[in-house]
Amino acid sequence: MVRDVTRQNSILDVILTNDPNTVYDVSVCTPIGRSDHCRVNVTVVLELDSLDSTLNIVHNTSHTTRKCYRWSGADYDGMANQLANYDWSHVYCKLNS
């Protein structure tokens, strides 16, 4: 989805999605502030019903409840390890075909 370089001569900033039909207008722009990575702008179009179920939003007459994640308690080392050990070759093969 990101086809232009985002840092030096490499594409390091990517967009991960399980539904590529919802992602439009991907563009690489100038960095913000002193960042050495370019900014990636994207438009994501979701259906409201789909978004509600993804965010676990329950509508009723008195109030709306939503799930809130505690990002400060996330296992970032575990996520980095999972991504580093993932076999990405099939993803890149699809991009080149």
Protein backbone atom coordinates (compact mmCIF):
# COMPACT_ATOMS: atom_id res chain seq x y z
CA MET A 1 0.00 0.00 0.00
CA VAL A 2 2.89 2.37 0.75
CA ARG A 3 4.85 2.53 -2.49
CA ASP A 4 7.22 5.47 -1.88
CA VAL A 5 10.24 5.67 0.41
CA THR A 6 9.46 6.84 3.94
CA ARG A 7 12.98 6.99 5.39
CA GLN A 8 16.19 7.49 3.41
CA ASN A 9 15.92 4.98 0.50
CA SER A 10 13.59 2.50 2.21
CA ILE A 11 9.90 1.91 2.78
CA LEU A 12 9.88 1.51 6.56
CA ASP A 13 6.41 2.84 7.39
CA VAL A 14 3.63 0.53 6.27
CA ILE A 15 -0.14 0.13 6.60
CA LEU A 16 -1.40 -3.20 7.93
CA THR A 17 -4.99 -4.15 7.20
CA ASN A 18 -7.07 -7.28 6.88
CA ASP A 19 -9.34 -5.56 4.33
CA PRO A 20 -7.42 -3.62 1.65
CA ASN A 21 -10.71 -2.44 0.12
CA THR A 22 -11.15 -0.01 3.02
CA VAL A 23 -7.86 1.85 2.47
CA TYR A 24 -7.66 4.67 -0.10
CA ASP A 25 -5.53 7.67 -1.01
CA VAL A 26 -2.23 6.48 0.48
CA SER A 27 0.37 9.22 0.11
CA VAL A 28 3.82 9.87 1.53
CA CYS A 29 4.36 13.47 2.65
CA THR A 30 7.03 15.54 4.36
CA PRO A 31 8.04 14.59 7.91
CA ILE A 32 6.50 16.29 10.93
CA GLY A 33 8.95 18.35 12.97
CA ARG A 34 12.37 16.74 13.26
CA SER A 35 11.27 13.22 12.43
CA ASP A 36 13.50 11.27 10.05
CA HIS A 37 10.45 9.37 8.75
CA CYS A 38 8.06 10.78 6.20
CA ARG A 39 4.41 11.15 7.14
CA VAL A 40 2.01 8.63 5.57
CA ASN A 41 -1.50 9.96 4.95
CA VAL A 42 -4.31 7.50 4.33
CA THR A 43 -8.09 7.44 4.10
CA VAL A 44 -9.85 4.50 5.75
CA VAL A 45 -13.52 3.95 4.98
CA LEU A 46 -15.49 1.72 7.34
CA GLU A 47 -19.17 0.89 7.61
CA LEU A 48 -20.65 2.03 10.91
CA ASP A 49 -22.02 -1.44 11.75
CA SER A 50 -18.61 -2.97 11.07
CA LEU A 51 -16.87 -0.33 13.18
CA ASP A 52 -19.29 -0.80 16.07
CA SER A 53 -18.66 -4.54 16.19
CA THR A 54 -14.89 -4.08 15.87
CA LEU A 55 -14.81 -1.60 18.75
CA ASN A 56 -17.33 -3.64 20.75
CA ILE A 57 -19.77 -0.71 20.96
CA VAL A 58 -23.21 -1.52 22.31
CA HIS A 59 -26.02 0.93 21.57
CA ASN A 60 -29.05 1.22 23.80
CA THR A 61 -31.49 3.95 24.76
CA SER A 62 -29.65 5.19 27.88
CA HIS A 63 -25.95 5.22 26.93
CA THR A 64 -23.19 3.89 24.70
CA THR A 65 -20.49 1.57 26.06
CA ARG A 66 -17.15 1.11 24.41
CA LYS A 67 -14.06 -0.95 25.10
CA CYS A 68 -10.98 1.07 26.12
CA TYR A 69 -7.52 -0.42 25.87
CA ARG A 70 -4.78 0.28 28.44
CA TRP A 71 -1.93 0.87 26.02
CA SER A 72 0.44 1.60 28.91
CA GLY A 73 0.09 -2.04 30.00
CA ALA A 74 0.77 -3.50 26.55
CA ASP A 75 3.57 -6.02 26.00
CA TYR A 76 5.49 -4.02 23.40
CA ASP A 77 8.54 -6.29 23.63
CA GLY A 78 6.30 -9.29 22.96
CA MET A 79 4.68 -7.55 19.98
CA ALA A 80 8.09 -6.59 18.57
CA ASN A 81 9.30 -10.16 19.00
CA GLN A 82 6.16 -11.53 17.30
CA LEU A 83 6.58 -9.17 14.34
CA ALA A 84 10.33 -9.83 14.08
CA ASN A 85 9.78 -13.60 13.96
CA TYR A 86 6.82 -13.54 11.56
CA ASP A 87 7.41 -15.01 8.08
CA TRP A 88 6.69 -11.93 5.95
CA SER A 89 7.85 -13.53 2.68
CA HIS A 90 4.30 -14.42 1.56
CA VAL A 91 3.20 -10.80 2.11
CA TYR A 92 6.01 -9.41 -0.03
CA CYS A 93 5.52 -12.08 -2.70
CA LYS A 94 1.93 -10.86 -3.19
CA LEU A 95 3.14 -7.26 -3.55
CA ASN A 96 5.59 -8.21 -6.29
CA SER A 97 3.17 -10.30 -8.33
